[in-house]
């Protein structure tokens, strides 16, 4: 059986690339097809495979690939995968649109429907210049039609969370089996029992984009005066200028420094709506709790009162109340419990669930959705309240 792995673009090693890495380990002889690739930023596991790039690699390369969104449908459909029996697309962009032969099996692991043409369209468009807004206004309606139409090319959808599965059903009218993405919990360990304990600062980590609401954390902690460390690329001068002296920006740090901050922070602040959210689980694997907005993937990873605290509104008042609650309940969060919870999302568990599901798909068996973590009643109630708000 010849296997092709299709990934939207390869310009770094984030959550989507970790899923691709696991697929590479499952299928060591598979070829990879992607719109653009930067080999210098990829893992040795991925680089072992033959990587095919589209004409966008020469046309604009990794530096300008985001600006070439209107050309991506033509680029992904230019690939010839008729020689492959199994095609697995890793999707958060146009990857699922790959054209396979009629008797091939196409399985799509969907990290998210394209957020920049669906639920986050207005946010992305408003952040562009005049020409960017004009192009998006013209291209987005056609891209939406194309995106919905190409969903029919997929034989089986896998979603990385129940939150994403609901959006697949909403936008594509397709069911999806939920298999949460892998978390490399082996990289993170709680502080030793004889250590001095965590520091007094809170942490906000990850790439800084508008929908992650890092600005909400900065505003809240500037008002409260409590220490906050912000780690991640993308902080502009306006955000930094709005921060008080108690807020420290570190931009990007290496894996060792990130693991240190995960283990030594008082808690992680996670104020945005994520499709899943791997960083909260990495922090839990490090023995630290999480303060998260009660919507999206956080409802599937943060158990309110056990592994963290959920707040209901994306406002300074709601987040500040959650921080104050963390201050009073901080000692009640057990590092061993937090670490054990994170381990249920470990990479070996993901790989085994994915392998079994793909085998069942190839046999033609119907595979019912199998949630990795059961939502607590309190979490479901919070999600409903957040949706009403």
Protein backbone atom coordinates (compact mmCIF):
# COMPACT_ATOMS: atom_id res chain seq x y z
CA UNK A 1 0.00 0.00 0.00
CA UNK A 2 1.43 3.36 -1.06
CA UNK A 3 0.73 6.18 1.38
CA UNK A 4 0.76 9.94 0.83
CA UNK A 5 0.69 12.46 3.68
CA UNK A 6 -0.65 15.91 2.74
CA UNK A 7 0.08 18.84 5.07
CA UNK A 8 -0.95 22.44 4.46
CA UNK A 9 2.52 24.01 4.88
CA UNK A 10 5.73 23.11 6.70
CA UNK A 11 7.30 26.26 8.14
CA UNK A 12 7.88 25.21 11.76
CA UNK A 13 7.15 22.57 14.39
CA UNK A 14 3.84 23.32 16.11
CA UNK A 15 0.84 21.16 17.02
CA UNK A 16 -0.10 20.30 13.44
CA UNK A 17 3.44 19.27 12.60
CA UNK A 18 3.55 17.02 15.69
CA UNK A 19 0.56 15.16 14.28
CA UNK A 20 2.34 14.86 10.93
CA UNK A 21 5.41 13.59 12.78
CA UNK A 22 3.32 10.82 14.37
CA UNK A 23 1.93 9.93 10.94
CA UNK A 24 5.49 9.75 9.62
CA UNK A 25 6.32 7.23 12.33
CA UNK A 26 3.22 5.18 11.49
CA UNK A 27 4.09 5.21 7.78
CA UNK A 28 7.89 5.45 7.44
CA UNK A 29 7.78 4.99 3.65
CA UNK A 30 5.12 7.62 2.98
CA UNK A 31 5.71 10.64 0.77
CA UNK A 32 4.77 14.13 1.98
CA UNK A 33 3.01 16.76 -0.12
CA UNK A 34 2.87 20.36 1.11
CA UNK A 35 2.40 23.82 -0.39
CA UNK A 36 5.70 25.24 0.93
CA UNK A 37 8.43 23.89 3.20
CA UNK A 38 11.35 25.25 5.19
CA UNK A 39 13.61 22.21 5.85
CA UNK A 40 15.69 24.16 8.38
CA UNK A 41 12.69 24.33 10.72
CA UNK A 42 11.57 20.70 10.48
CA UNK A 43 12.31 17.69 12.68
CA UNK A 44 14.58 14.84 11.59
CA UNK A 45 11.55 12.51 11.57
CA UNK A 46 9.80 14.57 8.90
CA UNK A 47 12.99 15.19 6.92
CA UNK A 48 13.49 11.43 6.49
CA UNK A 49 10.56 11.46 4.07
CA UNK A 50 10.48 12.66 0.48
CA UNK A 51 8.82 16.09 0.54
CA UNK A 52 7.01 17.44 -2.54
CA UNK A 53 6.28 21.18 -2.61
CA UNK A 54 3.94 23.10 -4.91
CA UNK A 55 4.70 25.88 -7.38
CA UNK A 56 4.19 28.34 -4.49
CA UNK A 57 7.62 27.29 -3.18
CA UNK A 58 9.28 29.00 -6.16
CA UNK A 59 6.68 31.71 -6.62
CA UNK A 60 6.77 33.18 -3.11
CA UNK A 61 8.38 30.62 -0.83
CA UNK A 62 7.97 30.40 2.92
CA UNK A 63 8.36 34.14 3.33
CA UNK A 64 5.17 35.14 1.48
CA UNK A 65 2.98 32.02 1.55
CA UNK A 66 0.25 33.68 3.66
CA UNK A 67 -0.24 36.35 1.02
CA UNK A 68 -0.86 33.67 -1.60
CA UNK A 69 -4.11 32.38 -0.07
CA UNK A 70 -6.14 32.87 -3.30
CA UNK A 71 -3.63 30.66 -5.17
CA UNK A 72 -3.69 27.80 -2.68
CA UNK A 73 -6.64 25.94 -4.26
CA UNK A 74 -4.75 25.77 -7.57
CA UNK A 75 -1.55 24.72 -5.80
CA UNK A 76 -3.05 21.87 -3.77
CA UNK A 77 -4.95 20.52 -6.77
CA UNK A 78 -1.80 20.55 -8.90
CA UNK A 79 -0.36 17.59 -6.96
CA UNK A 80 -0.61 14.18 -8.62
CA UNK A 81 -1.35 11.51 -5.98
CA UNK A 82 -3.02 9.00 -8.29
CA UNK A 83 -0.28 6.49 -7.49
CA UNK A 84 -1.24 6.29 -3.79
CA UNK A 85 -3.73 3.91 -2.17
CA UNK A 86 -4.10 5.79 1.14
CA UNK A 87 -4.01 9.58 1.39
CA UNK A 88 -4.02 11.22 4.83
CA UNK A 89 -4.41 14.98 4.84
CA UNK A 90 -3.42 17.06 7.85
CA UNK A 91 -5.79 19.98 7.56
CA UNK A 92 -5.98 23.54 8.86
CA UNK A 93 -5.91 25.08 5.41
CA UNK A 94 -6.48 23.64 1.92
CA UNK A 95 -4.93 20.17 2.37
CA UNK A 96 -8.20 18.21 2.31
CA UNK A 97 -8.81 19.39 -1.29
CA UNK A 98 -6.18 17.00 -2.66
CA UNK A 99 -7.59 15.07 -5.63
CA UNK A 100 -7.25 11.32 -5.19
CA UNK A 101 -8.15 8.48 -7.51
CA UNK A 102 -11.67 7.00 -7.06
CA UNK A 103 -10.60 3.77 -5.32
CA UNK A 104 -8.13 5.41 -2.91
CA UNK A 105 -9.04 6.08 0.73
CA UNK A 106 -8.77 9.70 1.87
CA UNK A 107 -8.70 10.33 5.63
CA UNK A 108 -8.52 13.92 6.86
CA UNK A 109 -7.18 14.80 10.31
CA UNK A 110 -8.70 18.25 10.74
CA UNK A 111 -7.03 20.62 13.19
CA UNK A 112 -9.57 23.27 12.19
CA UNK A 113 -11.61 24.41 9.20
CA UNK A 114 -9.87 27.44 7.69
CA UNK A 115 -10.42 30.01 10.43
CA UNK A 116 -9.39 32.95 8.26
CA UNK A 117 -12.41 32.45 5.96
CA UNK A 118 -14.89 31.24 8.58
CA UNK A 119 -15.20 32.16 12.26
CA UNK A 120 -12.15 34.45 12.44
CA UNK A 121 -12.58 36.09 9.03
CA UNK A 122 -13.35 39.55 10.44
CA UNK A 123 -10.38 39.46 12.83
CA UNK A 124 -7.90 38.44 10.13
CA UNK A 125 -9.31 40.90 7.60
CA UNK A 126 -9.25 43.85 10.01
CA UNK A 127 -5.55 43.22 10.77
CA UNK A 128 -4.60 43.67 7.08
CA UNK A 129 -3.78 46.76 5.09
CA UNK A 130 -6.09 48.26 2.49
CA UNK A 131 -5.01 45.96 -0.36
CA UNK A 132 -5.16 42.88 1.87
CA UNK A 133 -8.70 43.71 2.97
CA UNK A 134 -9.74 44.28 -0.63
CA UNK A 135 -8.29 40.96 -1.81
CA UNK A 136 -9.85 39.06 1.11
CA UNK A 137 -13.26 40.64 0.46
CA UNK A 138 -13.12 39.39 -3.13
CA UNK A 139 -11.51 36.00 -2.51
CA UNK A 140 -13.21 34.85 0.71
CA UNK A 141 -16.69 34.09 -0.74
CA UNK A 142 -15.16 31.96 -3.51
CA UNK A 143 -12.83 30.23 -1.03
CA UNK A 144 -15.78 29.35 1.21
CA UNK A 145 -17.63 27.71 -1.67
CA UNK A 146 -14.49 25.83 -2.68
CA UNK A 147 -13.79 24.79 0.94
CA UNK A 148 -17.28 23.34 1.42
CA UNK A 149 -17.26 21.62 -1.97
CA UNK A 150 -13.90 19.92 -1.42
CA UNK A 151 -15.08 18.43 1.88
CA UNK A 152 -16.87 15.83 -0.24
CA UNK A 153 -13.47 14.54 -1.40
CA UNK A 154 -12.78 13.21 2.11
CA UNK A 155 -13.90 9.67 2.98
CA UNK A 156 -13.37 9.94 6.75
CA UNK A 157 -12.93 13.03 8.94
CA UNK A 158 -10.99 13.02 12.22
CA UNK A 159 -11.25 16.12 14.44
CA UNK A 160 -8.67 17.09 17.04
CA UNK A 161 -11.41 18.11 19.51
CA UNK A 162 -15.17 18.10 20.00
CA UNK A 163 -15.09 21.86 19.43
CA UNK A 164 -13.59 21.32 15.95
CA UNK A 165 -15.98 18.41 15.26
CA UNK A 166 -18.91 20.77 15.83
CA UNK A 167 -17.44 23.26 13.34
CA UNK A 168 -16.87 20.49 10.77
CA UNK A 169 -20.53 19.58 11.15
CA UNK A 170 -21.55 23.26 10.93
CA UNK A 171 -19.50 24.24 7.88
CA UNK A 172 -19.16 20.93 6.00
CA UNK A 173 -22.22 18.97 7.23
CA UNK A 174 -19.97 15.99 7.95
CA UNK A 175 -19.48 13.83 11.04
CA UNK A 176 -16.00 13.46 12.52
CA UNK A 177 -14.37 11.07 14.95
CA UNK A 178 -12.52 12.88 17.76
CA UNK A 179 -8.90 11.91 18.43
CA UNK A 180 -7.08 14.55 20.44
CA UNK A 181 -3.58 15.49 19.18
CA UNK A 182 -0.44 14.14 20.86
CA UNK A 183 1.24 15.89 23.77
CA UNK A 184 4.91 15.08 24.41
CA UNK A 185 4.47 14.86 28.17
CA UNK A 186 7.89 13.22 28.57
CA UNK A 187 9.53 16.64 28.07
CA UNK A 188 7.91 18.09 31.19
CA UNK A 189 8.16 17.10 34.85
CA UNK A 190 6.79 18.69 38.04
CA UNK A 191 9.19 20.29 40.49
CA UNK A 192 10.83 17.91 42.94
CA UNK A 193 9.16 17.70 46.36
CA UNK A 194 12.26 19.14 48.04
CA UNK A 195 12.44 22.19 45.76
CA UNK A 196 11.54 25.73 46.74
CA UNK A 197 8.25 25.51 44.84
CA UNK A 198 6.89 27.63 42.00
CA UNK A 199 7.57 31.32 41.56
CA UNK A 200 5.06 34.07 42.20
CA UNK A 201 4.54 34.98 38.53
CA UNK A 202 1.79 33.94 36.12
CA UNK A 203 2.56 32.85 32.57
CA UNK A 204 0.98 33.51 29.17
CA UNK A 205 2.68 31.53 26.38
CA UNK A 206 2.26 30.87 22.67
CA UNK A 207 2.35 32.77 19.40
CA UNK A 208 0.73 36.16 19.92
CA UNK A 209 -2.21 36.69 17.55
CA UNK A 210 -5.42 38.68 18.11
CA UNK A 211 -7.70 35.70 18.74
CA UNK A 212 -5.48 34.40 21.55
CA UNK A 213 -6.43 37.49 23.60
CA UNK A 214 -2.99 38.01 25.12
CA UNK A 215 -3.95 41.67 25.34
CA UNK A 216 -6.67 40.70 27.84
CA UNK A 217 -4.09 39.05 30.09
CA UNK A 218 -1.75 42.03 29.81
CA UNK A 219 -4.52 44.50 30.67
CA UNK A 220 -5.75 42.40 33.60
CA UNK A 221 -2.34 41.95 35.19
CA UNK A 222 -1.36 45.56 34.57
CA UNK A 223 -4.39 46.57 36.63
CA UNK A 224 -3.86 43.94 39.34
CA UNK A 225 -0.11 44.52 39.69
CA UNK A 226 0.62 40.80 39.89
CA UNK A 227 3.68 39.56 37.95
CA UNK A 228 3.03 38.20 34.44
CA UNK A 229 5.55 36.74 32.00
CA UNK A 230 4.51 36.68 28.32
CA UNK A 231 6.42 34.26 26.08
CA UNK A 232 5.81 34.18 22.33
CA UNK A 233 6.56 35.88 19.05
CA UNK A 234 4.26 38.57 17.71
CA UNK A 235 3.99 41.13 20.51
CA UNK A 236 3.79 44.54 18.83
CA UNK A 237 4.92 47.87 20.25
CA UNK A 238 1.34 48.86 21.10
CA UNK A 239 0.83 45.79 23.30
CA UNK A 240 4.17 46.31 25.05
CA UNK A 241 3.46 49.99 25.60
CA UNK A 242 0.13 49.16 27.26
CA UNK A 243 1.80 46.85 29.81
CA UNK A 244 2.80 47.86 33.30
CA UNK A 245 6.27 47.28 34.80
CA UNK A 246 5.01 44.00 36.33
CA UNK A 247 4.55 42.48 32.83
CA UNK A 248 7.65 41.00 31.20
CA UNK A 249 7.90 40.04 27.49
CA UNK A 250 10.42 37.35 26.52
CA UNK A 251 9.45 36.84 22.86
CA UNK A 252 10.53 33.33 21.75
CA UNK A 253 12.62 31.07 24.00
CA UNK A 254 14.14 27.63 23.46
CA UNK A 255 12.49 24.40 24.66
CA UNK A 256 14.61 24.21 27.82
CA UNK A 257 13.68 27.72 28.93
CA UNK A 258 10.02 27.11 28.10
CA UNK A 259 9.96 23.93 30.20
CA UNK A 260 11.55 25.87 33.08
CA UNK A 261 8.83 28.51 32.98
CA UNK A 262 6.10 25.90 32.72
CA UNK A 263 7.31 24.24 35.93
CA UNK A 264 8.04 27.44 37.86
CA UNK A 265 5.04 29.63 37.04
CA UNK A 266 2.22 30.02 39.55
CA UNK A 267 -0.31 29.16 36.83
CA UNK A 268 -0.81 29.46 33.07
CA UNK A 269 -3.24 32.12 31.83
CA UNK A 270 -5.07 30.93 28.70
CA UNK A 271 -7.56 33.66 27.72
CA UNK A 272 -8.30 32.83 24.05
CA UNK A 273 -10.52 30.32 22.25
CA UNK A 274 -8.37 27.52 20.85
CA UNK A 275 -9.31 24.57 18.67
CA UNK A 276 -7.65 22.31 21.23
CA UNK A 277 -4.69 23.88 23.04
CA UNK A 278 -1.58 21.82 23.74
CA UNK A 279 0.21 24.36 25.95
CA UNK A 280 -2.26 23.96 28.87
CA UNK A 281 -1.54 20.22 28.92
CA UNK A 282 2.22 20.81 28.77
CA UNK A 283 1.89 23.11 31.78
CA UNK A 284 -0.21 20.49 33.62
CA UNK A 285 2.45 17.88 32.80
CA UNK A 286 4.84 20.27 34.57
CA UNK A 287 2.61 20.18 37.67
CA UNK A 288 1.10 23.66 37.33
CA UNK A 289 -2.63 24.58 37.05
CA UNK A 290 -4.31 26.60 34.29
CA UNK A 291 -6.67 29.60 34.24
CA UNK A 292 -8.64 29.31 30.98
CA UNK A 293 -11.57 30.91 29.21
CA UNK A 294 -14.51 28.48 29.32
CA UNK A 295 -14.94 27.90 25.62
CA UNK A 296 -13.36 25.86 22.84
CA UNK A 297 -10.72 23.20 23.39
CA UNK A 298 -10.04 24.29 26.97
CA UNK A 299 -13.31 22.63 28.03
CA UNK A 300 -11.80 19.30 26.95
CA UNK A 301 -8.47 19.70 28.74
CA UNK A 302 -9.08 21.85 31.84
CA UNK A 303 -11.27 20.28 34.52
CA UNK A 304 -12.65 23.17 36.58
CA UNK A 305 -11.51 22.93 40.19
CA UNK A 306 -9.29 19.91 39.56
CA UNK A 307 -6.68 20.94 36.97
CA UNK A 308 -7.45 24.64 36.82
CA UNK A 309 -10.03 27.41 36.95
CA UNK A 310 -12.38 28.40 34.13
CA UNK A 311 -13.68 31.94 33.71
CA UNK A 312 -16.90 32.71 31.85
CA UNK A 313 -16.34 36.02 30.05
CA UNK A 314 -13.42 37.50 28.13
CA UNK A 315 -13.35 40.60 30.32
CA UNK A 316 -10.84 42.05 32.75
CA UNK A 317 -13.30 41.59 35.62
CA UNK A 318 -13.95 37.91 34.89
CA UNK A 319 -10.27 37.05 34.43
CA UNK A 320 -9.26 39.03 37.51
CA UNK A 321 -11.83 37.14 39.59
CA UNK A 322 -10.36 33.85 38.35
CA UNK A 323 -6.85 35.00 39.29
CA UNK A 324 -8.05 35.92 42.78
CA UNK A 325 -9.67 32.51 43.10
CA UNK A 326 -6.39 30.90 42.06
CA UNK A 327 -4.62 32.88 44.77
CA UNK A 328 -6.91 31.44 47.45
CA UNK A 329 -7.03 27.88 46.07
CA UNK A 330 -3.51 27.54 44.71
CA UNK A 331 -2.36 24.95 47.26
CA UNK A 332 -5.31 22.67 46.48
CA UNK A 333 -3.99 21.80 43.01
CA UNK A 334 -1.91 18.65 43.34
CA UNK A 335 1.06 18.47 40.91
CA UNK A 336 0.80 14.67 40.67
CA UNK A 337 -2.88 14.88 39.73
CA UNK A 338 -2.17 17.54 37.13
CA UNK A 339 0.65 15.48 35.61
CA UNK A 340 -1.47 12.31 35.55
CA UNK A 341 -4.28 14.14 33.79
CA UNK A 342 -1.89 15.42 31.11
CA UNK A 343 -0.47 11.92 30.58
CA UNK A 344 -3.85 10.72 29.26
CA UNK A 345 -3.08 12.82 26.16
CA UNK A 346 0.45 11.40 25.68
CA UNK A 347 1.80 10.62 22.21
CA UNK A 348 1.73 6.78 22.49
CA UNK A 349 -1.99 6.91 23.29
CA UNK A 350 -2.63 9.15 20.30
CA UNK A 351 -0.61 6.95 17.93
CA UNK A 352 -2.45 3.79 18.99
CA UNK A 353 -5.90 5.38 18.66
CA UNK A 354 -5.00 6.80 15.27
CA UNK A 355 -3.56 3.51 14.02
CA UNK A 356 -6.65 1.55 15.04
CA UNK A 357 -9.01 4.11 13.52
CA UNK A 358 -7.17 4.16 10.19
CA UNK A 359 -7.20 0.36 10.08
CA UNK A 360 -10.95 0.35 10.68
CA UNK A 361 -11.46 2.93 7.93
CA UNK A 362 -9.48 0.81 5.49
CA UNK A 363 -11.62 -2.22 6.39
CA UNK A 364 -14.70 -0.19 5.59
CA UNK A 365 -16.00 -0.40 9.14
CA UNK A 366 -18.10 2.37 10.65
CA UNK A 367 -16.17 3.94 13.50
CA UNK A 368 -18.32 5.79 16.05
CA UNK A 369 -16.93 9.01 17.54
CA UNK A 370 -14.86 8.13 20.60
CA UNK A 371 -14.17 11.09 22.93
CA UNK A 372 -10.81 11.01 24.66
CA UNK A 373 -11.99 12.91 27.72
CA UNK A 374 -15.49 13.14 29.13
CA UNK A 375 -16.74 16.69 29.64
CA UNK A 376 -17.73 17.39 33.21
CA UNK A 377 -21.29 18.71 33.75
CA UNK A 378 -19.89 21.95 35.11
CA UNK A 379 -17.81 22.40 31.96
CA UNK A 380 -20.80 21.78 29.69
CA UNK A 381 -22.81 24.34 31.64
CA UNK A 382 -19.99 26.86 31.32
CA UNK A 383 -19.82 26.28 27.57
CA UNK A 384 -23.56 26.96 27.23
CA UNK A 385 -23.23 30.10 29.32
CA UNK A 386 -20.28 31.29 27.21
CA UNK A 387 -22.24 30.66 23.99
CA UNK A 388 -25.20 32.65 25.33
CA UNK A 389 -22.82 35.44 26.34
